[in-house]
Amino acid sequence: VKKLSPGGQTSLLEAHHNIICHFAPKSTHFFYPQMNARILLAALHFNENVDREQQCNSKGYKCYNTSVSKVRKARVVKEIKIPKTYDYVEKLLKEVKNLRRMYPTFKLAATYNQYDQPPALAD
């Protein structure tokens, strides 16, 4: 079987899929609006943290760690990245507060955004 992506690595795609599974686990049922919101939240989190730089110690040397490779059954060296950031949360909360001021009741908020749900698979 030939490689599906001979031109590049798929590790970023796999990392994005792991983030989606963290925010919207497959073992839990979500209705369409909730699933959509969780996937968008996962995208915000992934985009904010995808290009984290390598962490340096107090002397300016880059930090590394070792782990055991499942494939090679040998130790491999991995970069230690700077901690994840969650700056997008503050922006989301600010927007939630703005929407709450604009639509103080649930009845008004329900008219704000109607989701166009995809049709059911089985009729």
N, C-alpha and C. Protein backbone atom coordinates (compact mmCIF):
# COMPACT_ATOMS: atom_id res chain seq x y z
N VAL A 1 0.85 -1.18 0.00
CA VAL A 1 0.00 0.00 0.00
C VAL A 1 0.89 1.24 0.00
N LYS A 2 0.67 2.10 -0.95
CA LYS A 2 1.46 3.33 -1.02
C LYS A 2 1.05 4.28 0.09
N LYS A 3 1.97 5.17 0.42
CA LYS A 3 1.67 6.19 1.42
C LYS A 3 0.58 7.12 0.91
N LEU A 4 -0.31 7.50 1.81
CA LEU A 4 -1.39 8.41 1.41
C LEU A 4 -0.90 9.84 1.26
N SER A 5 0.15 10.19 1.98
CA SER A 5 0.67 11.56 1.88
C SER A 5 2.18 11.51 1.68
N PRO A 6 2.63 11.17 0.47
CA PRO A 6 4.07 11.04 0.24
C PRO A 6 4.82 12.36 0.35
N GLY A 7 4.12 13.48 0.19
CA GLY A 7 4.80 14.77 0.17
C GLY A 7 5.01 15.40 1.52
N GLY A 8 4.41 14.88 2.57
CA GLY A 8 4.55 15.56 3.85
C GLY A 8 4.15 14.70 5.03
N GLN A 9 4.38 15.26 6.18
CA GLN A 9 4.06 14.57 7.43
C GLN A 9 2.59 14.76 7.77
N THR A 10 2.02 13.79 8.46
CA THR A 10 0.63 13.89 8.89
C THR A 10 0.52 14.13 10.39
N SER A 11 1.64 14.42 11.05
CA SER A 11 1.62 14.55 12.50
C SER A 11 0.74 15.72 12.97
N LEU A 12 0.71 16.82 12.23
CA LEU A 12 -0.15 17.94 12.62
C LEU A 12 -1.62 17.58 12.50
N LEU A 13 -1.96 16.83 11.46
CA LEU A 13 -3.34 16.38 11.30
C LEU A 13 -3.73 15.46 12.45
N GLU A 14 -2.84 14.55 12.81
CA GLU A 14 -3.10 13.65 13.93
C GLU A 14 -3.22 14.41 15.24
N ALA A 15 -2.39 15.43 15.43
CA ALA A 15 -2.46 16.25 16.64
C ALA A 15 -3.78 17.00 16.70
N HIS A 16 -4.22 17.53 15.56
CA HIS A 16 -5.50 18.24 15.52
C HIS A 16 -6.64 17.28 15.85
N HIS A 17 -6.60 16.08 15.31
CA HIS A 17 -7.64 15.09 15.59
C HIS A 17 -7.65 14.73 17.08
N ASN A 18 -6.49 14.62 17.71
CA ASN A 18 -6.43 14.34 19.14
C ASN A 18 -7.06 15.46 19.96
N ILE A 19 -6.84 16.70 19.55
CA ILE A 19 -7.45 17.84 20.25
C ILE A 19 -8.97 17.80 20.09
N ILE A 20 -9.45 17.49 18.89
CA ILE A 20 -10.90 17.37 18.69
C ILE A 20 -11.47 16.28 19.58
N CYS A 21 -10.78 15.14 19.67
CA CYS A 21 -11.26 14.04 20.52
C CYS A 21 -11.23 14.43 22.00
N HIS A 22 -10.34 15.34 22.37
CA HIS A 22 -10.29 15.81 23.76
C HIS A 22 -11.50 16.69 24.06
N PHE A 23 -11.83 17.61 23.15
CA PHE A 23 -12.94 18.53 23.37
C PHE A 23 -14.30 17.90 23.06
N ALA A 24 -14.34 16.93 22.17
CA ALA A 24 -15.59 16.27 21.79
C ALA A 24 -15.36 14.76 21.73
N PRO A 25 -15.30 14.10 22.91
CA PRO A 25 -15.01 12.67 22.92
C PRO A 25 -16.05 11.86 22.15
N LYS A 26 -15.58 10.84 21.46
CA LYS A 26 -16.47 10.01 20.65
C LYS A 26 -17.42 9.18 21.51
N SER A 27 -17.06 8.96 22.77
CA SER A 27 -17.88 8.13 23.65
C SER A 27 -19.06 8.89 24.24
N THR A 28 -19.16 10.19 23.97
CA THR A 28 -20.24 11.01 24.50
C THR A 28 -21.06 11.57 23.35
N HIS A 29 -22.39 11.50 23.50
CA HIS A 29 -23.27 12.04 22.46
C HIS A 29 -23.46 13.53 22.67
N PHE A 30 -23.35 14.28 21.58
CA PHE A 30 -23.63 15.71 21.60
C PHE A 30 -24.59 16.00 20.45
N PHE A 31 -25.54 16.89 20.68
CA PHE A 31 -26.39 17.34 19.59
C PHE A 31 -25.57 18.25 18.68
N TYR A 32 -26.10 18.52 17.49
CA TYR A 32 -25.33 19.24 16.48
C TYR A 32 -24.77 20.58 16.96
N PRO A 33 -25.57 21.46 17.58
CA PRO A 33 -25.01 22.76 18.00
C PRO A 33 -23.87 22.61 19.01
N GLN A 34 -24.01 21.68 19.94
CA GLN A 34 -22.95 21.47 20.94
C GLN A 34 -21.70 20.89 20.30
N MET A 35 -21.87 19.93 19.40
CA MET A 35 -20.72 19.33 18.72
C MET A 35 -20.00 20.38 17.87
N ASN A 36 -20.77 21.19 17.18
CA ASN A 36 -20.19 22.26 16.36
C ASN A 36 -19.39 23.22 17.23
N ALA A 37 -19.94 23.62 18.37
CA ALA A 37 -19.24 24.54 19.27
C ALA A 37 -17.96 23.90 19.80
N ARG A 38 -18.00 22.63 20.14
CA ARG A 38 -16.81 21.95 20.67
C ARG A 38 -15.72 21.83 19.61
N ILE A 39 -16.11 21.55 18.38
CA ILE A 39 -15.11 21.44 17.31
C ILE A 39 -14.48 22.81 17.03
N LEU A 40 -15.28 23.86 17.06
CA LEU A 40 -14.74 25.21 16.87
C LEU A 40 -13.81 25.59 18.01
N LEU A 41 -14.17 25.21 19.23
CA LEU A 41 -13.32 25.48 20.39
C LEU A 41 -12.00 24.72 20.26
N ALA A 42 -12.06 23.48 19.79
CA ALA A 42 -10.85 22.69 19.58
C ALA A 42 -9.95 23.36 18.53
N ALA A 43 -10.56 23.91 17.49
CA ALA A 43 -9.79 24.60 16.45
C ALA A 43 -9.10 25.84 17.01
N LEU A 44 -9.81 26.60 17.85
CA LEU A 44 -9.20 27.77 18.48
C LEU A 44 -8.00 27.37 19.33
N HIS A 45 -8.18 26.31 20.12
CA HIS A 45 -7.11 25.84 21.00
C HIS A 45 -5.90 25.36 20.18
N PHE A 46 -6.17 24.58 19.14
CA PHE A 46 -5.10 24.06 18.30
C PHE A 46 -4.34 25.19 17.61
N ASN A 47 -5.07 26.14 17.02
CA ASN A 47 -4.42 27.25 16.31
C ASN A 47 -3.57 28.10 17.22
N GLU A 48 -3.99 28.26 18.47
CA GLU A 48 -3.21 29.08 19.40
C GLU A 48 -1.92 28.39 19.82
N ASN A 49 -1.93 27.07 19.88
CA ASN A 49 -0.79 26.35 20.45
C ASN A 49 0.00 25.51 19.45
N VAL A 50 -0.30 25.61 18.17
CA VAL A 50 0.35 24.74 17.19
C VAL A 50 1.83 25.07 16.99
N ASP A 51 2.21 26.31 17.07
CA ASP A 51 3.60 26.71 16.80
C ASP A 51 4.34 27.14 18.06
N ARG A 52 4.20 26.36 19.12
CA ARG A 52 4.91 26.72 20.36
C ARG A 52 6.41 26.54 20.16
N GLU A 53 7.16 27.44 20.75
CA GLU A 53 8.62 27.38 20.63
C GLU A 53 9.19 26.41 21.65
N GLN A 54 10.46 26.08 21.43
CA GLN A 54 11.14 25.17 22.36
C GLN A 54 11.53 25.93 23.62
N GLN A 55 11.35 25.27 24.74
CA GLN A 55 11.67 25.88 26.04
C GLN A 55 13.18 25.92 26.24
N CYS A 56 13.65 26.99 26.88
CA CYS A 56 15.08 27.14 27.19
C CYS A 56 15.25 27.23 28.71
N ASN A 57 16.40 26.75 29.18
CA ASN A 57 16.67 26.86 30.62
C ASN A 57 17.22 28.25 30.95
N SER A 58 17.60 28.45 32.20
CA SER A 58 18.06 29.78 32.63
C SER A 58 19.35 30.22 31.95
N LYS A 59 20.15 29.27 31.46
CA LYS A 59 21.39 29.61 30.77
C LYS A 59 21.19 29.83 29.27
N GLY A 60 19.96 29.61 28.79
CA GLY A 60 19.67 29.83 27.38
C GLY A 60 19.78 28.58 26.52
N TYR A 61 20.10 27.43 27.13
CA TYR A 61 20.18 26.18 26.37
C TYR A 61 18.78 25.61 26.16
N LYS A 62 18.56 25.03 25.00
CA LYS A 62 17.27 24.42 24.69
C LYS A 62 17.07 23.15 25.51
N CYS A 63 15.83 22.93 25.95
CA CYS A 63 15.52 21.78 26.82
C CYS A 63 15.02 20.60 25.99
N TYR A 64 15.45 19.42 26.39
CA TYR A 64 15.05 18.17 25.74
C TYR A 64 14.64 17.16 26.79
N ASN A 65 13.91 16.14 26.35
CA ASN A 65 13.51 15.04 27.21
C ASN A 65 13.64 13.76 26.40
N THR A 66 13.73 12.63 27.07
CA THR A 66 13.77 11.36 26.35
C THR A 66 12.51 10.57 26.66
N SER A 67 12.09 9.80 25.68
CA SER A 67 10.96 8.89 25.87
C SER A 67 11.23 7.63 25.06
N VAL A 68 10.48 6.58 25.36
CA VAL A 68 10.69 5.30 24.68
C VAL A 68 9.76 5.24 23.47
N SER A 69 10.34 4.98 22.30
CA SER A 69 9.57 4.84 21.07
C SER A 69 8.88 3.49 21.05
N LYS A 70 7.58 3.48 20.75
CA LYS A 70 6.84 2.22 20.69
C LYS A 70 7.27 1.39 19.48
N VAL A 71 7.64 2.07 18.40
CA VAL A 71 8.00 1.38 17.17
C VAL A 71 9.42 0.81 17.25
N ARG A 72 10.37 1.64 17.63
CA ARG A 72 11.77 1.22 17.64
C ARG A 72 12.18 0.53 18.94
N LYS A 73 11.37 0.65 19.98
CA LYS A 73 11.69 0.10 21.30
C LYS A 73 13.03 0.64 21.80
N ALA A 74 13.25 1.90 21.52
CA ALA A 74 14.49 2.57 21.94
C ALA A 74 14.14 3.98 22.41
N ARG A 75 15.09 4.58 23.09
CA ARG A 75 14.87 5.95 23.58
C ARG A 75 15.03 6.95 22.43
N VAL A 76 14.15 7.95 22.43
CA VAL A 76 14.22 9.02 21.46
C VAL A 76 14.23 10.36 22.19
N VAL A 77 14.91 11.33 21.59
CA VAL A 77 15.01 12.66 22.18
C VAL A 77 13.88 13.52 21.62
N LYS A 78 13.19 14.22 22.52
CA LYS A 78 12.10 15.11 22.12
C LYS A 78 12.32 16.50 22.70
N GLU A 79 11.92 17.50 21.94
CA GLU A 79 12.01 18.88 22.42
C GLU A 79 10.96 19.10 23.51
N ILE A 80 11.30 19.94 24.48
CA ILE A 80 10.32 20.37 25.47
C ILE A 80 9.81 21.73 25.01
N LYS A 81 8.52 21.82 24.79
CA LYS A 81 7.91 23.06 24.30
C LYS A 81 7.52 23.96 25.47
N ILE A 82 7.34 25.25 25.17
CA ILE A 82 6.85 26.17 26.21
C ILE A 82 5.41 25.76 26.55
N PRO A 83 4.93 26.09 27.75
CA PRO A 83 3.58 25.67 28.14
C PRO A 83 2.50 26.22 27.21
N LYS A 84 1.38 25.49 27.15
CA LYS A 84 0.25 25.92 26.33
C LYS A 84 -0.33 27.21 26.88
N THR A 85 -0.93 27.99 25.99
CA THR A 85 -1.61 29.22 26.41
C THR A 85 -3.11 29.09 26.15
N TYR A 86 -3.87 29.86 26.88
CA TYR A 86 -5.33 29.82 26.76
C TYR A 86 -5.88 31.24 26.62
N ASP A 87 -5.19 32.08 25.85
CA ASP A 87 -5.60 33.47 25.68
C ASP A 87 -6.93 33.61 24.95
N TYR A 88 -7.28 32.63 24.14
CA TYR A 88 -8.54 32.68 23.40
C TYR A 88 -9.74 32.63 24.34
N VAL A 89 -9.58 32.07 25.54
CA VAL A 89 -10.69 31.94 26.49
C VAL A 89 -11.17 33.33 26.93
N GLU A 90 -10.24 34.23 27.18
CA GLU A 90 -10.61 35.59 27.59
C GLU A 90 -11.42 36.29 26.51
N LYS A 91 -11.02 36.11 25.25
CA LYS A 91 -11.76 36.72 24.14
C LYS A 91 -13.16 36.12 24.02
N LEU A 92 -13.27 34.80 24.22
CA LEU A 92 -14.57 34.15 24.16
C LEU A 92 -15.49 34.63 25.27
N LEU A 93 -14.96 34.73 26.49
CA LEU A 93 -15.78 35.20 27.61
C LEU A 93 -16.25 36.64 27.40
N LYS A 94 -15.40 37.46 26.82
CA LYS A 94 -15.78 38.84 26.52
C LYS A 94 -16.94 38.85 25.53
N GLU A 95 -16.87 38.00 24.51
CA GLU A 95 -17.95 37.92 23.52
C GLU A 95 -19.23 37.37 24.15
N VAL A 96 -19.11 36.41 25.05
CA VAL A 96 -20.29 35.88 25.75
C VAL A 96 -20.97 36.98 26.55
N LYS A 97 -20.18 37.79 27.24
CA LYS A 97 -20.74 38.90 28.02
C LYS A 97 -21.44 39.91 27.11
N ASN A 98 -20.86 40.20 25.95
CA ASN A 98 -21.49 41.12 25.00
C ASN A 98 -22.83 40.56 24.50
N LEU A 99 -22.84 39.27 24.16
CA LEU A 99 -24.08 38.65 23.70
C LEU A 99 -25.13 38.61 24.80
N ARG A 100 -24.69 38.41 26.04
CA ARG A 100 -25.62 38.39 27.18
C ARG A 100 -26.28 39.75 27.37
N ARG A 101 -25.51 40.83 27.15
CA ARG A 101 -26.08 42.18 27.24
C ARG A 101 -27.08 42.42 26.10
N MET A 102 -26.75 41.94 24.91
CA MET A 102 -27.63 42.13 23.76
C MET A 102 -28.90 41.30 23.86
N TYR A 103 -28.78 40.10 24.41
CA TYR A 103 -29.91 39.17 24.51
C TYR A 103 -30.04 38.69 25.95
N PRO A 104 -30.72 39.47 26.80
CA PRO A 104 -30.78 39.15 28.23
C PRO A 104 -31.63 37.93 28.58
N THR A 105 -32.51 37.49 27.69
CA THR A 105 -33.34 36.32 28.00
C THR A 105 -33.04 35.20 27.00
N PHE A 106 -33.38 33.98 27.40
CA PHE A 106 -33.17 32.82 26.53
C PHE A 106 -34.04 32.93 25.28
N LYS A 107 -35.24 33.47 25.45
CA LYS A 107 -36.15 33.60 24.31
C LYS A 107 -35.56 34.51 23.23
N LEU A 108 -34.97 35.63 23.64
CA LEU A 108 -34.33 36.53 22.67
C LEU A 108 -33.08 35.89 22.07
N ALA A 109 -32.32 35.19 22.89
CA ALA A 109 -31.09 34.55 22.41
C ALA A 109 -31.40 33.47 21.40
N ALA A 110 -32.53 32.78 21.55
CA ALA A 110 -32.90 31.70 20.63
C ALA A 110 -33.15 32.24 19.22
N THR A 111 -33.55 33.50 19.12
CA THR A 111 -33.79 34.08 17.79
C THR A 111 -32.50 34.57 17.14
N TYR A 112 -31.42 34.69 17.93
CA TYR A 112 -30.16 35.24 17.42
C TYR A 112 -29.50 34.33 16.40
N ASN A 113 -29.37 33.07 16.73
CA ASN A 113 -28.59 32.18 15.87
C ASN A 113 -29.32 30.85 15.71
N GLN A 114 -29.89 30.64 14.57
CA GLN A 114 -30.55 29.37 14.28
C GLN A 114 -29.57 28.50 13.50
N TYR A 115 -29.29 27.32 14.02
CA TYR A 115 -28.36 26.41 13.36
C TYR A 115 -29.07 25.69 12.22
N ASP A 116 -28.42 25.61 11.11
CA ASP A 116 -28.91 24.80 10.01
C ASP A 116 -28.32 23.42 10.17
N GLN A 117 -29.08 22.56 10.82
CA GLN A 117 -28.59 21.21 11.07
C GLN A 117 -28.61 20.41 9.78
N PRO A 118 -27.64 19.54 9.61
CA PRO A 118 -27.66 18.67 8.43
C PRO A 118 -28.81 17.68 8.56
N PRO A 119 -29.30 17.14 7.44
CA PRO A 119 -30.40 16.18 7.53
C PRO A 119 -29.97 14.90 8.23
N ALA A 120 -30.92 14.22 8.83
CA ALA A 120 -30.63 12.96 9.51
C ALA A 120 -30.20 11.91 8.49
N LEU A 121 -29.33 11.00 8.93
CA LEU A 121 -28.85 9.95 8.02
C LEU A 121 -29.94 8.92 7.74
N ALA A 122 -30.75 8.64 8.74
CA ALA A 122 -31.81 7.63 8.57
C ALA A 122 -33.16 8.31 8.71
N ASP A 123 -34.02 8.10 7.75
CA ASP A 123 -35.38 8.68 7.83
C ASP A 123 -36.39 7.60 8.08
